[in-house]
Amino acid sequence: METSTATLTISCPSFNHEGDIPARFTCDGNNINPALTITELPEDTQALAIIMEDPDAPGGVFDHWLEWNIPVTNLIRENTNPGISGLNSSGKTGYHGPCPPSGSHRYYFHVFALDAALDLPGHSNREALEQAMQSHVIAAGTIMGRYSRQDK
């Protein structure tokens, strides 16, 4: 049976969709996650998940932040670890801010509304997270920001 996925509206008080991510959220600043505002959550949402990725990384897609079993909320606060953290592409857990080696890169913050909490241990990778979410995503939305390193 095919189910439809609703659309979440994701915004950020610190940058506009397709706008520039402020340096404080990057390796050139405090390396903290920006706040994310989430609207249009379905009533049956039981948990949230986030995947932040850079598809412009030289070695292919770089996962910057994997987080799941986030309590249902309309605001992911700045500088927080709101759920269970997975392994990012640097081999660590938690948020790993933008830090492109050259040029301007795009950073996608994908937010998922889930109909159940995931039975997935911390330190799991993106493949495991996506597999665990597969039949539980009831809505999804994305905001994209850009960043290029500052001249030192």
C-alpha atoms as a PDB file:
ATOM      1  CA  MET A   1       0.000   0.000   0.000  1.00  0.00           C
ATOM      2  CA  GLU A   2       1.406   3.386  -1.027  1.00  0.00           C
ATOM      3  CA  THR A   3       1.199   6.135   1.565  1.00  0.00           C
ATOM      4  CA  SER A   4       1.633   9.817   0.908  1.00  0.00           C
ATOM      5  CA  THR A   5       4.093  11.971   2.784  1.00  0.00           C
ATOM      6  CA  ALA A   6       2.972  15.407   3.930  1.00  0.00           C
ATOM      7  CA  THR A   7       5.214  18.449   3.612  1.00  0.00           C
ATOM      8  CA  LEU A   8       6.731  20.168   6.629  1.00  0.00           C
ATOM      9  CA  THR A   9       7.644  23.834   6.411  1.00  0.00           C
ATOM     10  CA  ILE A  10      11.175  24.352   7.742  1.00  0.00           C
ATOM     11  CA  SER A  11      12.608  27.800   8.408  1.00  0.00           C
ATOM     12  CA  CYS A  12      15.528  29.253  10.288  1.00  0.00           C
ATOM     13  CA  PRO A  13      15.591  32.573  12.157  1.00  0.00           C
ATOM     14  CA  SER A  14      19.287  32.986  11.224  1.00  0.00           C
ATOM     15  CA  PHE A  15      19.180  32.530   7.439  1.00  0.00           C
ATOM     16  CA  ASN A  16      16.675  32.328   4.604  1.00  0.00           C
ATOM     17  CA  HIS A  17      16.146  29.269   2.397  1.00  0.00           C
ATOM     18  CA  GLU A  18      19.018  29.273  -0.122  1.00  0.00           C
ATOM     19  CA  GLY A  19      20.668  32.125   1.826  1.00  0.00           C
ATOM     20  CA  ASP A  20      24.059  32.317   3.491  1.00  0.00           C
ATOM     21  CA  ILE A  21      24.586  30.452   6.767  1.00  0.00           C
ATOM     22  CA  PRO A  22      26.138  32.781   9.386  1.00  0.00           C
ATOM     23  CA  ALA A  23      29.726  31.869  10.346  1.00  0.00           C
ATOM     24  CA  ARG A  24      28.795  31.132  13.990  1.00  0.00           C
ATOM     25  CA  PHE A  25      27.170  27.880  12.822  1.00  0.00           C
ATOM     26  CA  THR A  26      30.351  26.752  11.019  1.00  0.00           C
ATOM     27  CA  CYS A  27      33.926  25.681  11.681  1.00  0.00           C
ATOM     28  CA  ASP A  28      34.882  29.356  11.306  1.00  0.00           C
ATOM     29  CA  GLY A  29      32.684  30.252  14.277  1.00  0.00           C
ATOM     30  CA  ASN A  30      31.162  28.409  17.251  1.00  0.00           C
ATOM     31  CA  ASN A  31      30.303  25.267  15.241  1.00  0.00           C
ATOM     32  CA  ILE A  32      26.810  25.088  16.782  1.00  0.00           C
ATOM     33  CA  ASN A  33      23.568  24.074  15.113  1.00  0.00           C
ATOM     34  CA  PRO A  34      21.192  26.827  14.028  1.00  0.00           C
ATOM     35  CA  ALA A  35      17.641  26.932  15.349  1.00  0.00           C
ATOM     36  CA  LEU A  36      15.052  25.332  13.058  1.00  0.00           C
ATOM     37  CA  THR A  37      11.356  26.184  13.092  1.00  0.00           C
ATOM     38  CA  ILE A  38       9.007  23.391  11.995  1.00  0.00           C
ATOM     39  CA  THR A  39       5.374  23.908  11.021  1.00  0.00           C
ATOM     40  CA  GLU A  40       2.658  21.757   9.441  1.00  0.00           C
ATOM     41  CA  LEU A  41       3.419  18.805  11.771  1.00  0.00           C
ATOM     42  CA  PRO A  42       0.829  16.031  11.368  1.00  0.00           C
ATOM     43  CA  GLU A  43      -1.225  15.331  14.506  1.00  0.00           C
ATOM     44  CA  ASP A  44       0.054  11.749  14.711  1.00  0.00           C
ATOM     45  CA  THR A  45       3.739  12.774  14.807  1.00  0.00           C
ATOM     46  CA  GLN A  46       5.501  10.844  17.579  1.00  0.00           C
ATOM     47  CA  ALA A  47       9.129  11.927  16.996  1.00  0.00           C
ATOM     48  CA  LEU A  48      11.319  13.968  14.685  1.00  0.00           C
ATOM     49  CA  ALA A  49      14.580  13.218  12.879  1.00  0.00           C
ATOM     50  CA  ILE A  50      17.142  15.453  11.158  1.00  0.00           C
ATOM     51  CA  ILE A  51      19.697  14.715   8.467  1.00  0.00           C
ATOM     52  CA  MET A  52      21.995  17.586   7.500  1.00  0.00           C
ATOM     53  CA  GLU A  53      24.112  16.977   4.419  1.00  0.00           C
ATOM     54  CA  ASP A  54      26.527  18.656   2.024  1.00  0.00           C
ATOM     55  CA  PRO A  55      26.108  17.183  -1.481  1.00  0.00           C
ATOM     56  CA  ASP A  56      28.965  19.362  -2.790  1.00  0.00           C
ATOM     57  CA  ALA A  57      31.718  17.717  -0.726  1.00  0.00           C
ATOM     58  CA  PRO A  58      34.700  16.513  -2.807  1.00  0.00           C
ATOM     59  CA  GLY A  59      34.290  12.867  -1.756  1.00  0.00           C
ATOM     60  CA  GLY A  60      30.532  12.753  -2.272  1.00  0.00           C
ATOM     61  CA  VAL A  61      27.705  13.590   0.136  1.00  0.00           C
ATOM     62  CA  PHE A  62      29.044  14.524   3.589  1.00  0.00           C
ATOM     63  CA  ASP A  63      26.658  13.951   6.508  1.00  0.00           C
ATOM     64  CA  HIS A  64      27.000  16.779   9.029  1.00  0.00           C
ATOM     65  CA  TRP A  65      24.260  15.929  11.531  1.00  0.00           C
ATOM     66  CA  LEU A  66      22.116  12.860  12.196  1.00  0.00           C
ATOM     67  CA  GLU A  67      19.590  13.147  15.002  1.00  0.00           C
ATOM     68  CA  TRP A  68      16.462  11.103  15.770  1.00  0.00           C
ATOM     69  CA  ASN A  69      13.861  10.488  18.471  1.00  0.00           C
ATOM     70  CA  ILE A  70      13.624  14.235  18.927  1.00  0.00           C
ATOM     71  CA  PRO A  71      10.525  15.026  21.004  1.00  0.00           C
ATOM     72  CA  VAL A  72       7.747  16.593  18.923  1.00  0.00           C
ATOM     73  CA  THR A  73       8.292  20.350  18.825  1.00  0.00           C
ATOM     74  CA  ASN A  74       7.967  23.320  16.520  1.00  0.00           C
ATOM     75  CA  LEU A  75      11.448  24.585  17.433  1.00  0.00           C
ATOM     76  CA  ILE A  76      14.815  22.872  17.461  1.00  0.00           C
ATOM     77  CA  ARG A  77      16.806  25.306  19.560  1.00  0.00           C
ATOM     78  CA  GLU A  78      20.204  26.660  18.598  1.00  0.00           C
ATOM     79  CA  ASN A  79      23.207  24.837  20.118  1.00  0.00           C
ATOM     80  CA  THR A  80      21.256  21.769  21.258  1.00  0.00           C
ATOM     81  CA  ASN A  81      21.451  18.009  20.978  1.00  0.00           C
ATOM     82  CA  PRO A  82      17.694  17.351  21.065  1.00  0.00           C
ATOM     83  CA  GLY A  83      17.565  13.600  20.416  1.00  0.00           C
ATOM     84  CA  ILE A  84      19.803  10.600  19.803  1.00  0.00           C
ATOM     85  CA  SER A  85      22.889  11.380  17.730  1.00  0.00           C
ATOM     86  CA  GLY A  86      24.221   9.283  14.896  1.00  0.00           C
ATOM     87  CA  LEU A  87      27.645   9.208  13.298  1.00  0.00           C
ATOM     88  CA  ASN A  88      28.356  12.054  10.919  1.00  0.00           C
ATOM     89  CA  SER A  89      30.848  11.668   8.080  1.00  0.00           C
ATOM     90  CA  SER A  90      33.696  12.838  10.317  1.00  0.00           C
ATOM     91  CA  GLY A  91      33.112   9.717  12.451  1.00  0.00           C
ATOM     92  CA  LYS A  92      31.734  11.661  15.416  1.00  0.00           C
ATOM     93  CA  THR A  93      28.297  12.224  16.859  1.00  0.00           C
ATOM     94  CA  GLY A  94      26.494  15.520  17.091  1.00  0.00           C
ATOM     95  CA  TYR A  95      26.516  18.567  14.870  1.00  0.00           C
ATOM     96  CA  HIS A  96      29.491  19.146  12.559  1.00  0.00           C
ATOM     97  CA  GLY A  97      29.157  22.607  11.052  1.00  0.00           C
ATOM     98  CA  PRO A  98      29.844  23.632   7.471  1.00  0.00           C
ATOM     99  CA  CYS A  99      33.551  23.735   6.644  1.00  0.00           C
ATOM    100  CA  PRO A 100      33.970  23.502   2.859  1.00  0.00           C
ATOM    101  CA  PRO A 101      37.555  23.073   1.644  1.00  0.00           C
ATOM    102  CA  SER A 102      36.926  25.507  -1.210  1.00  0.00           C
ATOM    103  CA  GLY A 103      34.123  27.408  -2.891  1.00  0.00           C
ATOM    104  CA  SER A 104      30.512  27.710  -1.805  1.00  0.00           C
ATOM    105  CA  HIS A 105      28.699  24.550  -0.678  1.00  0.00           C
ATOM    106  CA  ARG A 106      25.004  23.842  -0.133  1.00  0.00           C
ATOM    107  CA  TYR A 107      23.855  22.456   3.218  1.00  0.00           C
ATOM    108  CA  TYR A 108      20.477  20.741   3.394  1.00  0.00           C
ATOM    109  CA  PHE A 109      18.671  20.363   6.715  1.00  0.00           C
ATOM    110  CA  HIS A 110      16.116  17.582   6.126  1.00  0.00           C
ATOM    111  CA  VAL A 111      13.535  17.247   8.901  1.00  0.00           C
ATOM    112  CA  PHE A 112      11.277  14.199   9.156  1.00  0.00           C
ATOM    113  CA  ALA A 113       8.079  13.699  11.157  1.00  0.00           C
ATOM    114  CA  LEU A 114       7.816  10.071  12.273  1.00  0.00           C
ATOM    115  CA  ASP A 115       4.795   8.071  13.407  1.00  0.00           C
ATOM    116  CA  ALA A 116       6.907   6.241  16.022  1.00  0.00           C
ATOM    117  CA  ALA A 117      10.150   6.582  17.924  1.00  0.00           C
ATOM    118  CA  LEU A 118      12.951   4.598  16.295  1.00  0.00           C
ATOM    119  CA  ASP A 119      14.529   1.537  17.887  1.00  0.00           C
ATOM    120  CA  LEU A 120      18.005   2.559  16.795  1.00  0.00           C
ATOM    121  CA  PRO A 121      21.084   2.876  19.018  1.00  0.00           C
ATOM    122  CA  GLY A 122      23.129   6.068  19.156  1.00  0.00           C
ATOM    123  CA  HIS A 123      26.239   6.170  16.959  1.00  0.00           C
ATOM    124  CA  SER A 124      24.310   4.534  14.088  1.00  0.00           C
ATOM    125  CA  ASN A 125      25.168   5.747  10.578  1.00  0.00           C
ATOM    126  CA  ARG A 126      22.939   7.350   7.963  1.00  0.00           C
ATOM    127  CA  GLU A 127      22.200   4.071   6.184  1.00  0.00           C
ATOM    128  CA  ALA A 128      20.901   2.552   9.434  1.00  0.00           C
ATOM    129  CA  LEU A 129      18.871   5.695  10.196  1.00  0.00           C
ATOM    130  CA  GLU A 130      17.269   5.756   6.761  1.00  0.00           C
ATOM    131  CA  GLN A 131      16.448   2.058   6.995  1.00  0.00           C
ATOM    132  CA  ALA A 132      14.877   2.509  10.456  1.00  0.00           C
ATOM    133  CA  MET A 133      12.826   5.503   9.239  1.00  0.00           C
ATOM    134  CA  GLN A 134      11.679   3.830   6.024  1.00  0.00           C
ATOM    135  CA  SER A 135       8.119   2.932   7.035  1.00  0.00           C
ATOM    136  CA  HIS A 136       7.697   5.705   9.640  1.00  0.00           C
ATOM    137  CA  VAL A 137       8.065   9.002   7.739  1.00  0.00           C
ATOM    138  CA  ILE A 138       4.698  10.780   7.614  1.00  0.00           C
ATOM    139  CA  ALA A 139       5.985  14.229   6.659  1.00  0.00           C
ATOM    140  CA  ALA A 140       9.251  15.803   5.575  1.00  0.00           C
ATOM    141  CA  GLY A 141      10.653  19.226   4.780  1.00  0.00           C
ATOM    142  CA  THR A 142      13.966  20.855   3.963  1.00  0.00           C
ATOM    143  CA  ILE A 143      15.761  24.154   4.278  1.00  0.00           C
ATOM    144  CA  MET A 144      19.005  24.776   2.405  1.00  0.00           C
ATOM    145  CA  GLY A 145      21.712  27.263   3.275  1.00  0.00           C
ATOM    146  CA  ARG A 146      25.019  28.088   1.617  1.00  0.00           C
ATOM    147  CA  TYR A 147      28.452  28.659   3.070  1.00  0.00           C
ATOM    148  CA  SER A 148      31.932  29.459   1.815  1.00  0.00           C
ATOM    149  CA  ARG A 149      34.994  29.836   4.021  1.00  0.00           C
ATOM    150  CA  GLN A 150      36.043  33.305   5.057  1.00  0.00           C
ATOM    151  CA  ASP A 151      39.438  34.596   3.979  1.00  0.00           C
ATOM    152  CA  LYS A 152      41.811  34.468   6.914  1.00  0.00           C
END
